[in-house]
């Protein structure tokens, strides 16, 4: 089960680490205040850097993510491969996330997560549904408990539809120090019906200024006479003089070598503290070898800065879904080079609605559901993409209905 805003989040200078994460490039680097991550470009190294993914992020007027789309690059052609929709209640709490896979331009929902909250706003339960031939069906449930306002445990259950029962298969427990900092997380996963289980534990250490310095992964292992917690891996975090994260180093503990370097992430930050480059390297007999890297593009919501002109954090299409035509609106702070275009789900541009240097202010454009040649398009889902100053600023999903 994926956790969406369920776990305690340890915000770092570049990216974030959740209580369940060990060493992995943060998928959604946490920008500095007043910034939005809008695009993430992935590359793989094979005697040179080759592009392999692009992720776009769209936000609502409150700065909350509402749509995430991913494009892959098989056979040298960009193809939309997956998407996530995020839905919130009037209080701004995440209610539902719907995951889609995309095949030959067709969106297919395969999983959704629905959340319930306690009166104090803490997350109470998460239900995970899968989509099959008969529609949505319940798959798993997560129930959370709290002590003194801190997440104490998460209990995960499988749901069996034939008898309507839940069976617990995993328990996650959390420990904190007197300051409320996460010090340990234990995961116990049931292996069979007689109570055998496997265990993983994470131990957290901090610098005097409160930044995360080390995470040790331990496994519950049989030593010949009993089970003990044994060190498996550890992750060491380094920061620059500004307090920005610049390296995450993974070390493995072996009986012959002790602790030795295996992998690392290197982070490059801009002057605002946003992570603009992440490099993933593997250690070998020849030294550190390039493997993957990501570049991140941000948009600022500040009213006055030295960044490229940006739009307000919204792009509206009304009506949506539509038949006939829909009006697309957005607002620019000042004059800038911009393009408003419509794409299909294969990433191919269908038509350009506006382009060139546009003056600041409110903009309204109408799309009539036709391609650039004036041909009617089939009913389906399309993407309206706004680029300002060469940056993909917003992406909006629209549904064209049959006339």
Protein backbone atom coordinates (compact mmCIF):
# COMPACT_ATOMS: atom_id res chain seq x y z
CA UNK A 1 0.00 0.00 0.00
CA UNK A 2 1.31 3.43 -0.83
CA UNK A 3 0.94 6.06 1.86
CA UNK A 4 -0.24 9.48 0.77
CA UNK A 5 0.53 12.07 3.38
CA UNK A 6 0.09 9.31 5.95
CA UNK A 7 3.55 9.13 7.39
CA UNK A 8 5.48 11.65 9.34
CA UNK A 9 7.38 13.76 6.84
CA UNK A 10 10.89 14.85 7.62
CA UNK A 11 11.40 17.88 5.43
CA UNK A 12 14.97 18.28 4.27
CA UNK A 13 16.61 21.07 2.33
CA UNK A 14 16.37 19.17 -0.94
CA UNK A 15 13.64 16.60 -1.30
CA UNK A 16 12.00 14.78 1.57
CA UNK A 17 12.41 11.51 3.40
CA UNK A 18 9.42 9.78 4.91
CA UNK A 19 9.53 7.47 7.87
CA UNK A 20 9.44 4.48 5.55
CA UNK A 21 12.10 5.68 3.14
CA UNK A 22 15.71 4.57 3.32
CA UNK A 23 17.75 5.59 0.31
CA UNK A 24 16.01 6.65 -2.84
CA UNK A 25 15.84 9.81 -4.85
CA UNK A 26 12.90 11.82 -3.59
CA UNK A 27 10.17 11.57 -6.20
CA UNK A 28 8.68 14.94 -5.30
CA UNK A 29 11.49 17.21 -4.07
CA UNK A 30 10.05 19.59 -1.50
CA UNK A 31 10.52 23.13 -2.83
CA UNK A 32 11.28 26.09 -0.63
CA UNK A 33 8.35 28.19 0.54
CA UNK A 34 6.65 30.03 -2.32
CA UNK A 35 7.82 27.59 -5.02
CA UNK A 36 6.15 24.76 -6.95
CA UNK A 37 7.84 21.79 -8.58
CA UNK A 38 6.30 21.71 -12.04
CA UNK A 39 8.53 19.39 -14.05
CA UNK A 40 10.99 16.57 -13.32
CA UNK A 41 13.21 15.19 -16.10
CA UNK A 42 14.84 11.78 -15.75
CA UNK A 43 17.95 10.45 -17.51
CA UNK A 44 19.84 7.15 -17.49
CA UNK A 45 23.56 6.77 -18.14
CA UNK A 46 24.83 4.27 -20.70
CA UNK A 47 28.07 5.61 -22.16
CA UNK A 48 26.27 8.94 -22.22
CA UNK A 49 23.10 10.47 -20.76
CA UNK A 50 19.79 9.48 -22.35
CA UNK A 51 16.33 10.83 -21.41
CA UNK A 52 13.88 8.28 -20.02
CA UNK A 53 11.08 10.14 -18.22
CA UNK A 54 9.32 13.46 -17.76
CA UNK A 55 6.92 14.10 -14.87
CA UNK A 56 4.60 17.12 -14.85
CA UNK A 57 2.81 18.50 -11.79
CA UNK A 58 -0.29 20.72 -11.71
CA UNK A 59 -1.68 22.55 -8.68
CA UNK A 60 -4.91 24.18 -7.55
CA UNK A 61 -5.29 27.76 -6.33
CA UNK A 62 -4.29 26.63 -2.81
CA UNK A 63 -0.98 25.25 -4.05
CA UNK A 64 -2.03 21.60 -3.64
CA UNK A 65 -1.10 19.09 -6.28
CA UNK A 66 -4.12 17.99 -8.35
CA UNK A 67 -2.56 16.12 -11.26
CA UNK A 68 0.71 14.28 -11.84
CA UNK A 69 1.51 12.82 -15.25
CA UNK A 70 4.50 10.75 -16.32
CA UNK A 71 5.90 10.29 -19.81
CA UNK A 72 8.42 7.58 -20.72
CA UNK A 73 10.74 7.48 -23.71
CA UNK A 74 10.63 3.96 -25.22
CA UNK A 75 12.10 3.61 -28.71
CA UNK A 76 12.91 7.31 -28.83
CA UNK A 77 9.26 8.47 -28.67
CA UNK A 78 7.66 10.22 -25.69
CA UNK A 79 4.56 8.37 -24.47
CA UNK A 80 2.28 9.22 -21.58
CA UNK A 81 2.44 6.20 -19.26
CA UNK A 82 0.74 7.01 -15.95
CA UNK A 83 -1.17 9.69 -14.08
CA UNK A 84 -2.50 10.46 -10.60
CA UNK A 85 -5.52 12.63 -9.73
CA UNK A 86 -5.69 14.22 -6.26
CA UNK A 87 -9.01 15.35 -4.76
CA UNK A 88 -9.49 17.44 -1.59
CA UNK A 89 -12.35 18.43 0.69
CA UNK A 90 -13.31 22.02 1.53
CA UNK A 91 -10.84 21.98 4.42
CA UNK A 92 -7.99 21.17 2.07
CA UNK A 93 -7.51 17.59 3.27
CA UNK A 94 -6.64 14.96 0.72
CA UNK A 95 -9.68 12.72 0.26
CA UNK A 96 -8.85 10.56 -2.71
CA UNK A 97 -6.02 9.70 -5.07
CA UNK A 98 -6.78 7.85 -8.29
CA UNK A 99 -3.97 6.12 -10.18
CA UNK A 100 -4.17 5.52 -13.92
CA UNK A 101 -2.09 3.57 -16.38
CA UNK A 102 -2.20 4.72 -19.96
CA UNK A 103 -2.01 2.34 -22.90
CA UNK A 104 -2.27 3.51 -26.50
CA UNK A 105 -3.74 6.79 -25.37
CA UNK A 106 -6.47 5.25 -23.19
CA UNK A 107 -6.63 6.12 -19.48
CA UNK A 108 -7.51 3.19 -17.25
CA UNK A 109 -8.01 3.68 -13.52
CA UNK A 110 -6.50 0.76 -11.63
CA UNK A 111 -6.17 1.92 -8.01
CA UNK A 112 -7.61 4.57 -5.72
CA UNK A 113 -7.00 5.49 -2.10
CA UNK A 114 -9.73 7.09 0.01
CA UNK A 115 -8.92 8.75 3.33
CA UNK A 116 -10.92 9.40 6.50
CA UNK A 117 -9.85 11.88 9.20
CA UNK A 118 -10.32 12.32 12.91
CA UNK A 119 -11.96 15.46 14.30
CA UNK A 120 -8.51 16.96 14.98
CA UNK A 121 -7.49 16.51 11.34
CA UNK A 122 -5.20 13.53 11.84
CA UNK A 123 -5.52 10.70 9.35
CA UNK A 124 -7.69 7.90 10.71
CA UNK A 125 -8.09 5.33 7.95
CA UNK A 126 -7.12 4.73 4.33
CA UNK A 127 -9.02 2.35 2.06
CA UNK A 128 -7.32 1.07 -1.08
CA UNK A 129 -9.51 -0.06 -3.96
CA UNK A 130 -8.52 -1.86 -7.14
CA UNK A 131 -10.42 -1.72 -10.41
CA UNK A 132 -11.46 -4.91 -12.13
CA UNK A 133 -13.95 -6.09 -14.71
CA UNK A 134 -16.82 -5.53 -12.26
CA UNK A 135 -15.67 -2.08 -11.18
CA UNK A 136 -14.01 -0.98 -7.94
CA UNK A 137 -13.46 -3.48 -5.12
CA UNK A 138 -11.89 -3.03 -1.70
CA UNK A 139 -8.39 -4.49 -1.38
CA UNK A 140 -6.70 -3.23 1.80
CA UNK A 141 -7.32 -0.97 4.77
CA UNK A 142 -4.95 1.04 6.96
CA UNK A 143 -5.94 2.19 10.45
CA UNK A 144 -3.82 4.70 12.37
CA UNK A 145 -3.52 5.40 16.09
CA UNK A 146 -1.99 8.42 17.81
CA UNK A 147 -0.46 9.31 21.16
CA UNK A 148 -0.05 12.92 22.25
CA UNK A 149 -0.80 14.03 18.71
CA UNK A 150 1.94 11.89 17.15
CA UNK A 151 1.42 8.90 14.87
CA UNK A 152 1.96 5.84 17.07
CA UNK A 153 1.05 2.95 14.78
CA UNK A 154 -0.35 1.91 11.43
CA UNK A 155 -2.21 -1.38 11.10
CA UNK A 156 -2.64 -2.82 7.61
CA UNK A 157 -5.37 -5.33 6.72
CA UNK A 158 -6.28 -7.39 3.69
CA UNK A 159 -9.99 -7.46 2.87
CA UNK A 160 -11.62 -10.75 1.82
CA UNK A 161 -14.82 -10.06 -0.08
CA UNK A 162 -16.19 -13.62 0.08
CA UNK A 163 -16.79 -13.37 3.83
CA UNK A 164 -16.45 -9.62 4.41
CA UNK A 165 -13.57 -9.92 6.88
CA UNK A 166 -10.29 -8.08 7.39
CA UNK A 167 -7.06 -9.89 8.27
CA UNK A 168 -4.11 -7.95 9.65
CA UNK A 169 -0.86 -8.53 7.77
CA UNK A 170 1.45 -5.69 8.86
CA UNK A 171 1.99 -3.38 11.82
CA UNK A 172 4.16 -0.26 11.78
CA UNK A 173 5.05 1.41 15.06
CA UNK A 174 6.82 4.73 15.67
CA UNK A 175 8.98 6.01 18.54
CA UNK A 176 9.86 9.63 19.32
CA UNK A 177 12.13 11.60 21.62
CA UNK A 178 10.98 14.26 24.09
CA UNK A 179 11.06 16.88 21.32
CA UNK A 180 8.72 14.84 19.12
CA UNK A 181 11.41 13.81 16.63
CA UNK A 182 11.07 10.40 15.05
CA UNK A 183 13.70 8.07 16.53
CA UNK A 184 12.55 4.67 15.35
CA UNK A 185 10.14 2.87 13.09
CA UNK A 186 9.46 -0.87 13.26
CA UNK A 187 7.66 -2.85 10.56
CA UNK A 188 6.41 -6.34 11.37
CA UNK A 189 4.94 -8.31 8.47
CA UNK A 190 3.01 -11.53 9.09
CA UNK A 191 4.34 -14.45 7.03
CA UNK A 192 1.85 -17.20 7.83
CA UNK A 193 -1.22 -18.13 9.85
CA UNK A 194 0.73 -19.43 12.85
CA UNK A 195 2.23 -16.07 13.70
CA UNK A 196 5.67 -16.10 12.08
CA UNK A 197 6.71 -12.68 10.90
CA UNK A 198 9.63 -10.79 9.48
CA UNK A 199 10.80 -7.49 10.91
CA UNK A 200 12.52 -4.35 9.69
CA UNK A 201 13.53 -1.45 11.91
CA UNK A 202 14.80 2.06 11.14
CA UNK A 203 16.75 4.09 13.71
CA UNK A 204 17.12 7.87 13.20
CA UNK A 205 19.85 10.24 14.41
CA UNK A 206 20.00 14.03 14.16
CA UNK A 207 22.53 16.85 14.11
CA UNK A 208 22.43 19.46 16.89
CA UNK A 209 20.49 21.80 14.58
CA UNK A 210 17.79 19.15 14.10
CA UNK A 211 18.70 17.99 10.60
CA UNK A 212 18.63 14.27 9.91
CA UNK A 213 22.17 12.85 10.01
CA UNK A 214 21.80 9.07 9.87
CA UNK A 215 19.28 6.29 9.36
CA UNK A 216 20.23 2.70 10.21
CA UNK A 217 18.23 -0.17 8.71
CA UNK A 218 18.05 -3.29 10.84
CA UNK A 219 16.55 -6.68 10.04
CA UNK A 220 15.14 -9.20 12.47
CA UNK A 221 17.47 -12.16 11.93
CA UNK A 222 17.89 -15.63 13.38
CA UNK A 223 21.31 -15.93 15.05
CA UNK A 224 21.14 -19.67 15.75
CA UNK A 225 19.46 -19.50 19.14
CA UNK A 226 17.14 -16.52 18.95
CA UNK A 227 16.09 -13.52 16.85
CA UNK A 228 18.09 -10.32 17.08
CA UNK A 229 18.07 -6.93 15.38
CA UNK A 230 21.15 -6.76 13.17
CA UNK A 231 22.47 -3.72 11.28
CA UNK A 232 21.94 -4.08 7.55
CA UNK A 233 22.37 -0.70 5.89
CA UNK A 234 22.84 2.88 6.94
CA UNK A 235 22.28 6.21 5.23
CA UNK A 236 24.38 9.26 5.97
CA UNK A 237 23.24 12.81 5.11
CA UNK A 238 25.55 15.75 4.36
CA UNK A 239 24.71 19.45 4.11
CA UNK A 240 26.43 22.59 2.81
CA UNK A 241 27.09 25.80 4.72
CA UNK A 242 23.55 27.00 3.95
CA UNK A 243 22.02 23.89 5.48
CA UNK A 244 20.95 22.43 2.13
CA UNK A 245 21.20 18.67 1.62
CA UNK A 246 24.04 17.85 -0.82
CA UNK A 247 24.57 14.10 -0.40
CA UNK A 248 22.82 10.94 0.74
CA UNK A 249 25.29 8.06 1.13
CA UNK A 250 24.23 4.41 1.54
CA UNK A 251 26.56 1.95 3.22
CA UNK A 252 26.09 -1.82 3.55
CA UNK A 253 27.23 -3.82 6.55
CA UNK A 254 28.89 -7.14 5.73
CA UNK A 255 30.51 -9.69 8.02
CA UNK A 256 33.80 -9.45 6.11
CA UNK A 257 34.11 -5.75 5.24
CA UNK A 258 32.01 -4.03 7.86
CA UNK A 259 30.45 -0.77 6.67
CA UNK A 260 31.30 0.08 3.05
CA UNK A 261 29.92 2.54 0.49
CA UNK A 262 27.41 1.16 -2.04
CA UNK A 263 25.28 4.00 -3.46
CA UNK A 264 24.88 7.73 -3.20
CA UNK A 265 22.72 10.65 -4.30
CA UNK A 266 24.33 14.03 -4.99
CA UNK A 267 22.14 17.15 -4.86
CA UNK A 268 22.73 20.53 -6.49
CA UNK A 269 20.65 23.44 -5.19
CA UNK A 270 19.94 26.85 -6.68
CA UNK A 271 20.40 30.10 -4.78
CA UNK A 272 16.86 29.77 -3.36
CA UNK A 273 17.58 26.33 -1.90
CA UNK A 274 15.55 24.35 -4.45
CA UNK A 275 17.08 21.08 -5.61
CA UNK A 276 17.66 21.45 -9.37
CA UNK A 277 19.83 18.38 -10.00
CA UNK A 278 19.92 14.91 -8.40
CA UNK A 279 22.59 12.42 -9.42
CA UNK A 280 22.44 8.72 -8.50
CA UNK A 281 25.71 6.79 -8.51
CA UNK A 282 26.70 3.17 -7.80
CA UNK A 283 30.01 2.22 -6.22
CA UNK A 284 32.22 -0.38 -7.95
CA UNK A 285 35.82 -1.54 -8.06
CA UNK A 286 36.47 1.31 -10.52
CA UNK A 287 34.95 3.90 -8.20
CA UNK A 288 31.68 5.81 -8.36
CA UNK A 289 29.73 5.19 -11.58
CA UNK A 290 26.96 7.42 -12.96
CA UNK A 291 23.59 5.64 -13.15
CA UNK A 292 20.61 8.02 -13.15
CA UNK A 293 19.97 11.73 -12.76
CA UNK A 294 17.00 14.09 -12.54
CA UNK A 295 16.65 17.79 -13.23
CA UNK A 296 13.85 19.72 -11.53
CA UNK A 297 12.02 22.82 -12.76
CA UNK A 298 10.18 25.13 -10.38
CA UNK A 299 7.73 28.02 -10.60
CA UNK A 300 7.65 30.83 -8.07
CA UNK A 301 4.49 32.34 -6.57
CA UNK A 302 6.36 35.35 -5.19
CA UNK A 303 4.95 38.69 -6.31
CA UNK A 304 8.38 40.08 -7.04
CA UNK A 305 11.44 38.02 -7.90
CA UNK A 306 14.03 37.58 -10.58
CA UNK A 307 12.50 34.47 -12.05
CA UNK A 308 10.85 34.14 -15.44
CA UNK A 309 7.31 35.59 -15.57
CA UNK A 310 4.85 33.05 -14.21
CA UNK A 311 1.12 32.52 -14.19
CA UNK A 312 -1.08 32.47 -11.15
CA UNK A 313 -1.35 28.89 -9.82
CA UNK A 314 -4.45 27.95 -11.84
CA UNK A 315 -5.49 26.95 -15.33
CA UNK A 316 -9.23 26.53 -15.75
CA UNK A 317 -11.26 24.84 -18.48
CA UNK A 318 -15.01 25.39 -18.39
CA UNK A 319 -17.07 23.37 -19.01
CA UNK A 320 -15.11 20.19 -18.37
CA UNK A 321 -16.16 17.61 -19.57
CA UNK A 322 -17.45 19.40 -22.68
CA UNK A 323 -18.98 18.88 -26.08
CA UNK A 324 -18.70 21.56 -28.71
CA UNK A 325 -16.22 23.93 -27.03
CA UNK A 326 -14.58 24.80 -23.72
CA UNK A 327 -13.14 28.10 -22.49
CA UNK A 328 -9.58 27.98 -21.17
CA UNK A 329 -8.50 30.75 -18.80
CA UNK A 330 -5.31 31.72 -17.00
CA UNK A 331 -3.64 34.89 -15.79
CA UNK A 332 -0.09 36.13 -16.37
CA UNK A 333 1.71 38.51 -14.05
CA UNK A 334 3.45 40.32 -16.90
CA UNK A 335 4.30 40.08 -20.58
CA UNK A 336 6.20 36.92 -21.53
CA UNK A 337 6.73 34.37 -24.29
CA UNK A 338 4.00 31.77 -23.85
CA UNK A 339 2.28 28.88 -25.60
CA UNK A 340 -1.09 27.29 -24.90
CA UNK A 341 -1.52 23.97 -26.72
CA UNK A 342 -3.58 20.79 -26.64
CA UNK A 343 -1.97 17.32 -26.64
CA UNK A 344 -3.32 13.81 -26.91
CA UNK A 345 -2.41 11.12 -24.39
CA UNK A 346 0.49 9.93 -26.54
CA UNK A 347 2.16 13.29 -26.00
CA UNK A 348 1.50 14.50 -29.55
CA UNK A 349 0.53 18.13 -30.04
CA UNK A 350 -2.99 18.44 -31.48
CA UNK A 351 -3.30 22.18 -31.89
CA UNK A 352 -1.85 25.46 -30.63
CA UNK A 353 -4.39 27.87 -29.17
CA UNK A 354 -2.01 30.75 -28.45
CA UNK A 355 1.67 31.46 -28.97
CA UNK A 356 4.24 34.23 -29.03
CA UNK A 357 4.68 37.10 -26.60
CA UNK A 358 1.50 37.61 -24.59
CA UNK A 359 0.76 40.68 -22.47
CA UNK A 360 0.10 40.35 -18.76
CA UNK A 361 -3.41 39.94 -17.40
CA UNK A 362 -6.31 37.52 -17.69
CA UNK A 363 -6.36 35.35 -20.83
CA UNK A 364 -9.36 33.47 -22.26
CA UNK A 365 -9.19 31.07 -25.21
CA UNK A 366 -11.74 28.69 -26.71
CA UNK A 367 -10.97 25.21 -27.93
CA UNK A 368 -13.59 23.69 -30.19
CA UNK A 369 -12.45 20.08 -29.97
CA UNK A 370 -10.71 20.17 -33.37
CA UNK A 371 -7.11 19.61 -34.41
CA UNK A 372 -4.88 22.16 -36.12
CA UNK A 373 -6.38 21.26 -39.51
CA UNK A 374 -9.95 21.85 -38.33
CA UNK A 375 -10.80 18.14 -38.12
CA UNK A 376 -13.14 16.98 -35.36
CA UNK A 377 -11.34 14.89 -32.76
CA UNK A 378 -12.73 11.68 -31.25
CA UNK A 379 -14.21 11.78 -27.76
CA UNK A 380 -11.65 11.16 -25.04
CA UNK A 381 -9.18 12.78 -22.66
CA UNK A 382 -6.76 15.49 -23.78
CA UNK A 383 -4.14 17.60 -22.03
CA UNK A 384 -4.09 21.39 -22.17
CA UNK A 385 -0.51 22.55 -21.54
CA UNK A 386 0.60 26.10 -20.77
CA UNK A 387 4.25 27.02 -21.27
CA UNK A 388 5.60 30.36 -20.06
CA UNK A 389 9.17 31.47 -20.79
CA UNK A 390 9.91 27.99 -22.15
CA UNK A 391 8.78 26.18 -18.98
CA UNK A 392 5.84 23.78 -18.72
CA UNK A 393 3.92 25.78 -16.12
CA UNK A 394 0.55 24.01 -15.95
CA UNK A 395 -1.12 20.94 -17.40
CA UNK A 396 -4.90 20.46 -17.28
CA UNK A 397 -6.80 17.31 -18.21
CA UNK A 398 -9.99 17.88 -20.21
CA UNK A 399 -12.59 15.41 -21.44
CA UNK A 400 -14.16 15.79 -24.84
CA UNK A 401 -17.60 14.16 -25.09
CA UNK A 402 -19.37 12.95 -28.19
CA UNK A 403 -21.42 15.66 -29.83
